[in-house]
């Protein structure tokens, strides 16, 4: 009997894993679904029902079906509710805006490939807390390691810089 409940619990875990790993590829459920019949809620219910039923069947040692089924249902309902709340929380989580080309203007950086008088070099700036290496032009040649200030972003991968005093 424990094996049957363990298989039921395993099915819940597999459903949840598939929805997390490949759910976006195959669109399991509605993208805004976070109700009692959403994939996380159903998977949580099935998993908790199976594992709690197996635990109570093993603990009581009885061959009856009533105690494991009731114990599984008692554990499954709050687990499904919690899974629904966690899914809703994850879907509505605030995130920072994606940095844009305009966000590069005003940042400081350092020359990592010397900038020649008539061409491009490269600078490393920090954008959104992440280092970003971009092509750079300047009014005058700038040597490796020179501190710079971005005055214009001509493309998402190219900027115009000025040397900054130390």
C-alpha atoms as a PDB file:
ATOM      1  CA  UNK A   1       0.000   0.000   0.000  1.00  0.00           C
ATOM      2  CA  UNK A   2       2.853   2.414   0.798  1.00  0.00           C
ATOM      3  CA  UNK A   3       4.237   1.847  -2.686  1.00  0.00           C
ATOM      4  CA  UNK A   4       0.991   2.970  -4.294  1.00  0.00           C
ATOM      5  CA  UNK A   5       0.977   6.201  -2.302  1.00  0.00           C
ATOM      6  CA  UNK A   6       4.675   6.779  -3.024  1.00  0.00           C
ATOM      7  CA  UNK A   7       3.988   6.432  -6.746  1.00  0.00           C
ATOM      8  CA  UNK A   8       1.149   8.960  -6.438  1.00  0.00           C
ATOM      9  CA  UNK A   9       3.507  11.356  -4.638  1.00  0.00           C
ATOM     10  CA  UNK A  10       6.163  10.795  -7.291  1.00  0.00           C
ATOM     11  CA  UNK A  11       3.663  11.632 -10.027  1.00  0.00           C
ATOM     12  CA  UNK A  12       3.021  14.964  -8.283  1.00  0.00           C
ATOM     13  CA  UNK A  13       6.744  15.697  -8.169  1.00  0.00           C
ATOM     14  CA  UNK A  14       7.147  14.783 -11.856  1.00  0.00           C
ATOM     15  CA  UNK A  15       4.236  17.053 -12.843  1.00  0.00           C
ATOM     16  CA  UNK A  16       5.747  19.921 -10.878  1.00  0.00           C
ATOM     17  CA  UNK A  17       9.231  19.322 -12.318  1.00  0.00           C
ATOM     18  CA  UNK A  18       7.886  19.206 -15.879  1.00  0.00           C
ATOM     19  CA  UNK A  19       5.908  22.393 -15.382  1.00  0.00           C
ATOM     20  CA  UNK A  20       8.982  24.188 -14.026  1.00  0.00           C
ATOM     21  CA  UNK A  21      11.516  22.808 -16.511  1.00  0.00           C
ATOM     22  CA  UNK A  22       9.546  22.731 -19.748  1.00  0.00           C
ATOM     23  CA  UNK A  23       6.276  24.430 -18.905  1.00  0.00           C
ATOM     24  CA  UNK A  24       7.176  27.527 -20.915  1.00  0.00           C
ATOM     25  CA  UNK A  25       7.954  25.431 -23.978  1.00  0.00           C
ATOM     26  CA  UNK A  26       4.642  23.599 -24.034  1.00  0.00           C
ATOM     27  CA  UNK A  27       2.550  26.203 -22.155  1.00  0.00           C
ATOM     28  CA  UNK A  28       1.234  23.953 -19.380  1.00  0.00           C
ATOM     29  CA  UNK A  29      -1.837  25.746 -18.116  1.00  0.00           C
ATOM     30  CA  UNK A  30      -2.804  29.343 -18.614  1.00  0.00           C
ATOM     31  CA  UNK A  31       0.095  31.772 -17.960  1.00  0.00           C
ATOM     32  CA  UNK A  32      -2.013  33.758 -15.489  1.00  0.00           C
ATOM     33  CA  UNK A  33      -3.433  30.681 -13.744  1.00  0.00           C
ATOM     34  CA  UNK A  34      -2.572  30.664 -10.094  1.00  0.00           C
ATOM     35  CA  UNK A  35      -5.852  29.368  -8.740  1.00  0.00           C
ATOM     36  CA  UNK A  36      -6.836  26.085  -7.129  1.00  0.00           C
ATOM     37  CA  UNK A  37      -6.601  24.196 -10.437  1.00  0.00           C
ATOM     38  CA  UNK A  38      -3.274  25.604 -11.621  1.00  0.00           C
ATOM     39  CA  UNK A  39      -0.439  23.178 -12.369  1.00  0.00           C
ATOM     40  CA  UNK A  40       1.496  24.021  -9.166  1.00  0.00           C
ATOM     41  CA  UNK A  41      -1.647  23.548  -7.040  1.00  0.00           C
ATOM     42  CA  UNK A  42      -2.566  20.225  -8.650  1.00  0.00           C
ATOM     43  CA  UNK A  43       1.032  18.986  -8.479  1.00  0.00           C
ATOM     44  CA  UNK A  44       1.316  20.043  -4.820  1.00  0.00           C
ATOM     45  CA  UNK A  45      -1.976  18.355  -3.984  1.00  0.00           C
ATOM     46  CA  UNK A  46      -1.047  15.082  -5.707  1.00  0.00           C
ATOM     47  CA  UNK A  47       2.468  15.034  -4.237  1.00  0.00           C
ATOM     48  CA  UNK A  48       1.390  15.792  -0.682  1.00  0.00           C
ATOM     49  CA  UNK A  49      -1.531  13.371  -0.902  1.00  0.00           C
ATOM     50  CA  UNK A  50       0.763  10.552  -2.026  1.00  0.00           C
ATOM     51  CA  UNK A  51       3.640  11.151   0.368  1.00  0.00           C
ATOM     52  CA  UNK A  52       1.451  11.832   3.420  1.00  0.00           C
ATOM     53  CA  UNK A  53      -0.662   8.763   2.603  1.00  0.00           C
ATOM     54  CA  UNK A  54       2.485   6.630   2.347  1.00  0.00           C
ATOM     55  CA  UNK A  55       3.822   7.988   5.637  1.00  0.00           C
ATOM     56  CA  UNK A  56       0.587   7.264   7.507  1.00  0.00           C
ATOM     57  CA  UNK A  57       0.200   3.833   5.910  1.00  0.00           C
ATOM     58  CA  UNK A  58       3.715   2.943   7.046  1.00  0.00           C
ATOM     59  CA  UNK A  59       3.257   4.491  10.493  1.00  0.00           C
ATOM     60  CA  UNK A  60      -0.038   2.788  11.285  1.00  0.00           C
ATOM     61  CA  UNK A  61       0.869  -0.498   9.677  1.00  0.00           C
ATOM     62  CA  UNK A  62      -2.770  -1.157   8.841  1.00  0.00           C
ATOM     63  CA  UNK A  63      -3.985  -2.503   5.541  1.00  0.00           C
ATOM     64  CA  UNK A  64      -6.986  -0.183   5.612  1.00  0.00           C
ATOM     65  CA  UNK A  65      -7.314   2.566   3.084  1.00  0.00           C
ATOM     66  CA  UNK A  66      -9.255   5.082   5.166  1.00  0.00           C
ATOM     67  CA  UNK A  67      -6.447   6.445   7.373  1.00  0.00           C
ATOM     68  CA  UNK A  68      -3.901   7.029   4.562  1.00  0.00           C
ATOM     69  CA  UNK A  69      -6.526   8.638   2.313  1.00  0.00           C
ATOM     70  CA  UNK A  70      -7.755  10.978   5.052  1.00  0.00           C
ATOM     71  CA  UNK A  71      -4.186  11.830   6.117  1.00  0.00           C
ATOM     72  CA  UNK A  72      -3.217  12.450   2.495  1.00  0.00           C
ATOM     73  CA  UNK A  73      -6.183  14.752   1.949  1.00  0.00           C
ATOM     74  CA  UNK A  74      -5.491  16.640   5.192  1.00  0.00           C
ATOM     75  CA  UNK A  75      -1.895  17.251   4.100  1.00  0.00           C
ATOM     76  CA  UNK A  76      -2.750  17.909   0.436  1.00  0.00           C
ATOM     77  CA  UNK A  77      -5.198  20.788   0.858  1.00  0.00           C
ATOM     78  CA  UNK A  78      -2.822  23.176   2.680  1.00  0.00           C
ATOM     79  CA  UNK A  79       0.025  22.141   0.397  1.00  0.00           C
ATOM     80  CA  UNK A  80      -2.041  22.990  -2.693  1.00  0.00           C
ATOM     81  CA  UNK A  81      -3.001  26.320  -1.116  1.00  0.00           C
ATOM     82  CA  UNK A  82       0.665  27.061  -0.356  1.00  0.00           C
ATOM     83  CA  UNK A  83       1.728  26.093  -3.885  1.00  0.00           C
ATOM     84  CA  UNK A  84      -0.907  28.455  -5.276  1.00  0.00           C
ATOM     85  CA  UNK A  85       0.296  31.311  -3.067  1.00  0.00           C
ATOM     86  CA  UNK A  86       3.950  30.706  -3.982  1.00  0.00           C
ATOM     87  CA  UNK A  87       3.132  30.565  -7.707  1.00  0.00           C
ATOM     88  CA  UNK A  88       1.123  33.804  -7.472  1.00  0.00           C
ATOM     89  CA  UNK A  89       3.953  35.449  -5.532  1.00  0.00           C
ATOM     90  CA  UNK A  90       6.542  34.356  -8.112  1.00  0.00           C
ATOM     91  CA  UNK A  91       4.432  35.579 -11.043  1.00  0.00           C
ATOM     92  CA  UNK A  92       3.832  38.999  -9.456  1.00  0.00           C
ATOM     93  CA  UNK A  93       7.370  39.505  -8.181  1.00  0.00           C
ATOM     94  CA  UNK A  94       8.802  42.943  -8.909  1.00  0.00           C
ATOM     95  CA  UNK A  95      12.014  43.012 -10.903  1.00  0.00           C
ATOM     96  CA  UNK A  96      14.355  45.756 -11.977  1.00  0.00           C
ATOM     97  CA  UNK A  97      13.923  47.227 -15.416  1.00  0.00           C
ATOM     98  CA  UNK A  98      16.197  45.933 -18.144  1.00  0.00           C
ATOM     99  CA  UNK A  99      19.058  48.395 -18.740  1.00  0.00           C
ATOM    100  CA  UNK A 100      18.820  50.287 -22.034  1.00  0.00           C
ATOM    101  CA  UNK A 101      21.229  52.092 -24.304  1.00  0.00           C
ATOM    102  CA  UNK A 102      20.392  55.399 -22.627  1.00  0.00           C
ATOM    103  CA  UNK A 103      21.373  54.016 -19.230  1.00  0.00           C
ATOM    104  CA  UNK A 104      25.021  53.899 -20.349  1.00  0.00           C
ATOM    105  CA  UNK A 105      25.181  57.714 -20.490  1.00  0.00           C
ATOM    106  CA  UNK A 106      26.755  59.077 -17.326  1.00  0.00           C
ATOM    107  CA  UNK A 107      28.477  55.873 -16.274  1.00  0.00           C
ATOM    108  CA  UNK A 108      32.189  55.696 -15.598  1.00  0.00           C
ATOM    109  CA  UNK A 109      34.598  53.072 -16.725  1.00  0.00           C
ATOM    110  CA  UNK A 110      38.109  52.211 -17.706  1.00  0.00           C
ATOM    111  CA  UNK A 111      39.829  51.765 -21.065  1.00  0.00           C
ATOM    112  CA  UNK A 112      40.624  48.081 -21.686  1.00  0.00           C
ATOM    113  CA  UNK A 113      41.765  48.424 -25.319  1.00  0.00           C
ATOM    114  CA  UNK A 114      43.532  51.711 -26.120  1.00  0.00           C
ATOM    115  CA  UNK A 115      41.427  54.232 -28.022  1.00  0.00           C
ATOM    116  CA  UNK A 116      43.245  55.601 -31.058  1.00  0.00           C
ATOM    117  CA  UNK A 117      42.757  59.139 -32.305  1.00  0.00           C
ATOM    118  CA  UNK A 118      40.916  58.063 -35.457  1.00  0.00           C
ATOM    119  CA  UNK A 119      39.270  54.840 -34.392  1.00  0.00           C
ATOM    120  CA  UNK A 120      37.698  52.785 -31.693  1.00  0.00           C
ATOM    121  CA  UNK A 121      38.973  51.145 -28.579  1.00  0.00           C
ATOM    122  CA  UNK A 122      37.110  49.370 -25.808  1.00  0.00           C
ATOM    123  CA  UNK A 123      35.998  50.406 -22.345  1.00  0.00           C
ATOM    124  CA  UNK A 124      34.546  48.455 -19.462  1.00  0.00           C
ATOM    125  CA  UNK A 125      31.637  50.124 -17.703  1.00  0.00           C
ATOM    126  CA  UNK A 126      29.240  48.949 -15.029  1.00  0.00           C
ATOM    127  CA  UNK A 127      25.613  48.789 -16.153  1.00  0.00           C
ATOM    128  CA  UNK A 128      22.921  47.459 -13.836  1.00  0.00           C
ATOM    129  CA  UNK A 129      25.639  46.236 -11.486  1.00  0.00           C
ATOM    130  CA  UNK A 130      27.237  44.103 -14.202  1.00  0.00           C
ATOM    131  CA  UNK A 131      30.493  44.810 -16.047  1.00  0.00           C
ATOM    132  CA  UNK A 132      29.953  45.522 -19.740  1.00  0.00           C
ATOM    133  CA  UNK A 133      32.647  45.873 -22.386  1.00  0.00           C
ATOM    134  CA  UNK A 134      31.705  48.187 -25.276  1.00  0.00           C
ATOM    135  CA  UNK A 135      33.420  49.850 -28.216  1.00  0.00           C
ATOM    136  CA  UNK A 136      34.392  53.429 -27.519  1.00  0.00           C
ATOM    137  CA  UNK A 137      35.499  56.584 -29.321  1.00  0.00           C
ATOM    138  CA  UNK A 138      37.057  59.706 -27.842  1.00  0.00           C
ATOM    139  CA  UNK A 139      38.202  63.133 -29.059  1.00  0.00           C
ATOM    140  CA  UNK A 140      41.817  62.200 -28.324  1.00  0.00           C
ATOM    141  CA  UNK A 141      43.781  58.956 -27.940  1.00  0.00           C
ATOM    142  CA  UNK A 142      43.346  57.296 -24.537  1.00  0.00           C
ATOM    143  CA  UNK A 143      45.774  54.760 -23.083  1.00  0.00           C
ATOM    144  CA  UNK A 144      45.006  51.442 -21.424  1.00  0.00           C
ATOM    145  CA  UNK A 145      43.712  51.948 -17.861  1.00  0.00           C
ATOM    146  CA  UNK A 146      42.496  55.516 -18.372  1.00  0.00           C
ATOM    147  CA  UNK A 147      39.364  56.359 -16.344  1.00  0.00           C
ATOM    148  CA  UNK A 148      36.541  57.553 -18.609  1.00  0.00           C
ATOM    149  CA  UNK A 149      33.030  59.034 -18.470  1.00  0.00           C
ATOM    150  CA  UNK A 150      30.377  58.053 -21.046  1.00  0.00           C
ATOM    151  CA  UNK A 151      28.917  61.178 -22.696  1.00  0.00           C
ATOM    152  CA  UNK A 152      26.938  59.531 -25.492  1.00  0.00           C
ATOM    153  CA  UNK A 153      25.669  56.049 -26.383  1.00  0.00           C
ATOM    154  CA  UNK A 154      25.679  55.757 -30.181  1.00  0.00           C
ATOM    155  CA  UNK A 155      24.400  52.159 -30.155  1.00  0.00           C
ATOM    156  CA  UNK A 156      23.803  49.377 -27.621  1.00  0.00           C
ATOM    157  CA  UNK A 157      27.463  48.367 -28.046  1.00  0.00           C
ATOM    158  CA  UNK A 158      29.223  51.671 -28.766  1.00  0.00           C
ATOM    159  CA  UNK A 159      29.815  54.834 -26.736  1.00  0.00           C
ATOM    160  CA  UNK A 160      31.637  58.146 -26.873  1.00  0.00           C
ATOM    161  CA  UNK A 161      33.778  58.867 -23.799  1.00  0.00           C
ATOM    162  CA  UNK A 162      35.830  61.586 -22.197  1.00  0.00           C
ATOM    163  CA  UNK A 163      38.780  61.159 -19.879  1.00  0.00           C
ATOM    164  CA  UNK A 164      37.947  61.829 -16.224  1.00  0.00           C
ATOM    165  CA  UNK A 165      40.376  63.249 -13.710  1.00  0.00           C
ATOM    166  CA  UNK A 166      41.430  60.801 -11.028  1.00  0.00           C
END
